[in-house]
Amino acid sequence: MMSDSALIQAHQAGDADAIGTLMARYQAILMGMLVNRVGREAEDLYQETWVRASNGLHAYDEQGNFKAWLFQIARRLVIDHH
C-alpha cells in the first residue's frame, strides 16, 4: 500500500488515479464526520472537500499531515455551510 505522501507525489506528477486512491482511503471517515455535522448535505460537502483538496494538492506542504489537512478543508466547509 502506497503512503499518503507517495500518492500525493504521484498526483503532483500527473497520476490521475492517485487522488482516487486517497479518496477511497478516507471516504468512510470523512463522510462519517460530515454526516455527523450537516446530515443530508454531507454528500455535497464531501464532493466539495475533494474538489478543493485536488485543486490544492499542487501546493500541499509535505511537512504536514494529509489527513489533518483534508479534515481542515472539510471543517471549514461545514463552518461556511452553517
N, C-alpha and C. Protein backbone atom coordinates (compact mmCIF):
# COMPACT_ATOMS: atom_id res chain seq x y z
N MET A 1 0.85 -1.18 0.00
CA MET A 1 0.00 0.00 0.00
C MET A 1 0.89 1.25 0.00
N MET A 2 0.58 2.15 -0.91
CA MET A 2 1.34 3.40 -1.01
C MET A 2 0.96 4.34 0.14
N SER A 3 1.92 5.08 0.63
CA SER A 3 1.66 6.05 1.68
C SER A 3 0.92 7.26 1.09
N ASP A 4 0.32 8.05 1.96
CA ASP A 4 -0.33 9.28 1.51
C ASP A 4 0.67 10.15 0.77
N SER A 5 1.87 10.25 1.32
CA SER A 5 2.91 11.08 0.72
C SER A 5 3.24 10.63 -0.70
N ALA A 6 3.37 9.33 -0.89
CA ALA A 6 3.68 8.80 -2.22
C ALA A 6 2.53 9.05 -3.18
N LEU A 7 1.31 8.92 -2.70
CA LEU A 7 0.15 9.20 -3.56
C LEU A 7 0.06 10.67 -3.93
N ILE A 8 0.38 11.54 -2.99
CA ILE A 8 0.37 12.98 -3.27
C ILE A 8 1.43 13.31 -4.32
N GLN A 9 2.60 12.74 -4.16
CA GLN A 9 3.67 12.97 -5.15
C GLN A 9 3.26 12.44 -6.52
N ALA A 10 2.61 11.29 -6.55
CA ALA A 10 2.14 10.73 -7.82
C ALA A 10 1.10 11.64 -8.45
N HIS A 11 0.19 12.18 -7.63
CA HIS A 11 -0.82 13.11 -8.14
C HIS A 11 -0.15 14.36 -8.70
N GLN A 12 0.81 14.88 -7.99
CA GLN A 12 1.53 16.08 -8.43
C GLN A 12 2.28 15.83 -9.73
N ALA A 13 2.68 14.57 -9.95
CA ALA A 13 3.40 14.21 -11.18
C ALA A 13 2.45 13.87 -12.33
N GLY A 14 1.14 13.95 -12.07
CA GLY A 14 0.19 13.75 -13.14
C GLY A 14 -0.57 12.43 -13.13
N ASP A 15 -0.40 11.63 -12.09
CA ASP A 15 -1.11 10.35 -11.99
C ASP A 15 -2.55 10.62 -11.56
N ALA A 16 -3.49 10.50 -12.49
CA ALA A 16 -4.89 10.79 -12.22
C ALA A 16 -5.51 9.78 -11.25
N ASP A 17 -4.97 8.59 -11.16
CA ASP A 17 -5.53 7.56 -10.28
C ASP A 17 -5.17 7.77 -8.81
N ALA A 18 -4.15 8.55 -8.54
CA ALA A 18 -3.67 8.72 -7.17
C ALA A 18 -4.73 9.39 -6.29
N ILE A 19 -5.42 10.37 -6.80
CA ILE A 19 -6.45 11.05 -5.99
C ILE A 19 -7.59 10.08 -5.68
N GLY A 20 -7.91 9.20 -6.61
CA GLY A 20 -8.95 8.21 -6.37
C GLY A 20 -8.58 7.26 -5.24
N THR A 21 -7.32 6.90 -5.17
CA THR A 21 -6.85 6.04 -4.09
C THR A 21 -6.96 6.75 -2.75
N LEU A 22 -6.58 8.03 -2.72
CA LEU A 22 -6.73 8.81 -1.49
C LEU A 22 -8.21 8.93 -1.10
N MET A 23 -9.07 9.16 -2.08
CA MET A 23 -10.50 9.28 -1.80
C MET A 23 -11.04 7.99 -1.19
N ALA A 24 -10.66 6.87 -1.76
CA ALA A 24 -11.12 5.58 -1.24
C ALA A 24 -10.62 5.37 0.18
N ARG A 25 -9.40 5.79 0.45
CA ARG A 25 -8.80 5.60 1.77
C ARG A 25 -9.55 6.39 2.84
N TYR A 26 -10.00 7.57 2.53
CA TYR A 26 -10.60 8.46 3.53
C TYR A 26 -12.11 8.62 3.40
N GLN A 27 -12.72 7.93 2.47
CA GLN A 27 -14.15 8.11 2.21
C GLN A 27 -15.02 7.89 3.45
N ALA A 28 -14.89 6.76 4.07
CA ALA A 28 -15.77 6.42 5.19
C ALA A 28 -15.62 7.37 6.37
N ILE A 29 -14.41 7.66 6.74
CA ILE A 29 -14.19 8.51 7.92
C ILE A 29 -14.59 9.97 7.63
N LEU A 30 -14.30 10.44 6.43
CA LEU A 30 -14.66 11.81 6.07
C LEU A 30 -16.18 11.95 5.97
N MET A 31 -16.84 11.00 5.30
CA MET A 31 -18.30 11.06 5.20
C MET A 31 -18.94 10.95 6.58
N GLY A 32 -18.40 10.12 7.43
CA GLY A 32 -18.92 9.99 8.79
C GLY A 32 -18.88 11.30 9.53
N MET A 33 -17.76 11.98 9.44
CA MET A 33 -17.62 13.28 10.11
C MET A 33 -18.63 14.28 9.55
N LEU A 34 -18.76 14.31 8.23
CA LEU A 34 -19.68 15.27 7.61
C LEU A 34 -21.14 14.97 7.93
N VAL A 35 -21.51 13.71 7.90
CA VAL A 35 -22.89 13.33 8.24
C VAL A 35 -23.22 13.75 9.67
N ASN A 36 -22.28 13.55 10.58
CA ASN A 36 -22.49 13.95 11.97
C ASN A 36 -22.69 15.45 12.13
N ARG A 37 -22.13 16.23 11.23
CA ARG A 37 -22.19 17.68 11.38
C ARG A 37 -23.27 18.36 10.54
N VAL A 38 -23.57 17.81 9.37
CA VAL A 38 -24.52 18.50 8.49
C VAL A 38 -25.65 17.62 7.99
N GLY A 39 -25.64 16.36 8.34
CA GLY A 39 -26.74 15.48 7.94
C GLY A 39 -26.83 15.28 6.44
N ARG A 40 -27.99 15.57 5.89
CA ARG A 40 -28.27 15.27 4.49
C ARG A 40 -27.41 16.03 3.48
N GLU A 41 -26.83 17.12 3.87
CA GLU A 41 -25.96 17.89 2.97
C GLU A 41 -24.54 17.36 2.92
N ALA A 42 -24.27 16.28 3.61
CA ALA A 42 -22.91 15.73 3.71
C ALA A 42 -22.32 15.40 2.35
N GLU A 43 -23.11 14.83 1.45
CA GLU A 43 -22.59 14.43 0.14
C GLU A 43 -22.05 15.62 -0.64
N ASP A 44 -22.78 16.74 -0.61
CA ASP A 44 -22.31 17.94 -1.32
C ASP A 44 -21.00 18.44 -0.73
N LEU A 45 -20.92 18.47 0.59
CA LEU A 45 -19.69 18.95 1.23
C LEU A 45 -18.54 17.97 1.03
N TYR A 46 -18.86 16.67 0.97
CA TYR A 46 -17.84 15.66 0.69
C TYR A 46 -17.23 15.92 -0.69
N GLN A 47 -18.08 16.10 -1.68
CA GLN A 47 -17.59 16.35 -3.04
C GLN A 47 -16.76 17.63 -3.09
N GLU A 48 -17.24 18.68 -2.44
CA GLU A 48 -16.53 19.96 -2.45
C GLU A 48 -15.18 19.85 -1.72
N THR A 49 -15.14 19.06 -0.67
CA THR A 49 -13.87 18.84 0.04
C THR A 49 -12.83 18.26 -0.92
N TRP A 50 -13.24 17.25 -1.70
CA TRP A 50 -12.29 16.62 -2.62
C TRP A 50 -11.94 17.52 -3.80
N VAL A 51 -12.86 18.34 -4.24
CA VAL A 51 -12.53 19.31 -5.30
C VAL A 51 -11.45 20.26 -4.80
N ARG A 52 -11.67 20.78 -3.61
CA ARG A 52 -10.68 21.73 -3.05
C ARG A 52 -9.35 21.04 -2.75
N ALA A 53 -9.41 19.82 -2.24
CA ALA A 53 -8.17 19.09 -1.95
C ALA A 53 -7.41 18.81 -3.24
N SER A 54 -8.11 18.36 -4.26
CA SER A 54 -7.47 18.06 -5.54
C SER A 54 -6.82 19.31 -6.13
N ASN A 55 -7.55 20.41 -6.05
CA ASN A 55 -7.01 21.67 -6.59
C ASN A 55 -5.85 22.20 -5.77
N GLY A 56 -5.81 21.88 -4.49
CA GLY A 56 -4.76 22.40 -3.62
C GLY A 56 -3.56 21.49 -3.45
N LEU A 57 -3.63 20.28 -3.95
CA LEU A 57 -2.52 19.34 -3.74
C LEU A 57 -1.23 19.77 -4.41
N HIS A 58 -1.31 20.59 -5.43
CA HIS A 58 -0.07 21.04 -6.09
C HIS A 58 0.79 21.86 -5.12
N ALA A 59 0.14 22.50 -4.14
CA ALA A 59 0.87 23.33 -3.19
C ALA A 59 0.92 22.71 -1.79
N TYR A 60 0.49 21.45 -1.67
CA TYR A 60 0.46 20.80 -0.37
C TYR A 60 1.86 20.73 0.23
N ASP A 61 1.96 21.06 1.50
CA ASP A 61 3.23 21.05 2.23
C ASP A 61 3.48 19.65 2.79
N GLU A 62 4.47 18.97 2.26
CA GLU A 62 4.78 17.60 2.69
C GLU A 62 5.13 17.51 4.17
N GLN A 63 5.39 18.62 4.81
CA GLN A 63 5.72 18.60 6.24
C GLN A 63 4.49 18.28 7.08
N GLY A 64 3.32 18.54 6.52
CA GLY A 64 2.09 18.36 7.27
C GLY A 64 1.55 16.95 7.23
N ASN A 65 0.41 16.79 7.84
CA ASN A 65 -0.30 15.52 7.88
C ASN A 65 -1.47 15.63 6.92
N PHE A 66 -1.51 14.79 5.90
CA PHE A 66 -2.54 14.90 4.87
C PHE A 66 -3.94 14.77 5.46
N LYS A 67 -4.14 13.80 6.33
CA LYS A 67 -5.47 13.60 6.91
C LYS A 67 -5.92 14.85 7.65
N ALA A 68 -5.07 15.46 8.43
CA ALA A 68 -5.41 16.67 9.17
C ALA A 68 -5.73 17.81 8.19
N TRP A 69 -4.95 17.92 7.12
CA TRP A 69 -5.16 18.95 6.10
C TRP A 69 -6.51 18.75 5.43
N LEU A 70 -6.82 17.52 5.05
CA LEU A 70 -8.09 17.20 4.41
C LEU A 70 -9.27 17.52 5.32
N PHE A 71 -9.17 17.13 6.57
CA PHE A 71 -10.26 17.38 7.51
C PHE A 71 -10.40 18.86 7.83
N GLN A 72 -9.32 19.60 7.75
CA GLN A 72 -9.41 21.05 7.95
C GLN A 72 -10.23 21.68 6.81
N ILE A 73 -10.03 21.21 5.60
CA ILE A 73 -10.83 21.68 4.47
C ILE A 73 -12.30 21.39 4.75
N ALA A 74 -12.61 20.17 5.16
CA ALA A 74 -13.99 19.78 5.44
C ALA A 74 -14.58 20.61 6.58
N ARG A 75 -13.81 20.83 7.64
CA ARG A 75 -14.31 21.64 8.78
C ARG A 75 -14.64 23.05 8.34
N ARG A 76 -13.82 23.63 7.50
CA ARG A 76 -14.09 24.99 7.01
C ARG A 76 -15.35 25.03 6.15
N LEU A 77 -15.56 24.00 5.36
CA LEU A 77 -16.79 23.93 4.58
C LEU A 77 -18.02 23.80 5.47
N VAL A 78 -17.90 23.03 6.54
CA VAL A 78 -19.01 22.90 7.50
C VAL A 78 -19.31 24.25 8.13
N ILE A 79 -18.28 24.97 8.53
CA ILE A 79 -18.48 26.29 9.13
C ILE A 79 -19.16 27.21 8.14
N ASP A 80 -18.70 27.23 6.90
CA ASP A 80 -19.31 28.07 5.87
C ASP A 80 -20.77 27.66 5.63
N HIS A 81 -21.02 26.36 5.70
CA HIS A 81 -22.38 25.85 5.49
C HIS A 81 -23.36 26.37 6.54
N HIS A 82 -22.89 26.43 7.78
CA HIS A 82 -23.75 26.88 8.89
C HIS A 82 -23.81 28.38 8.89
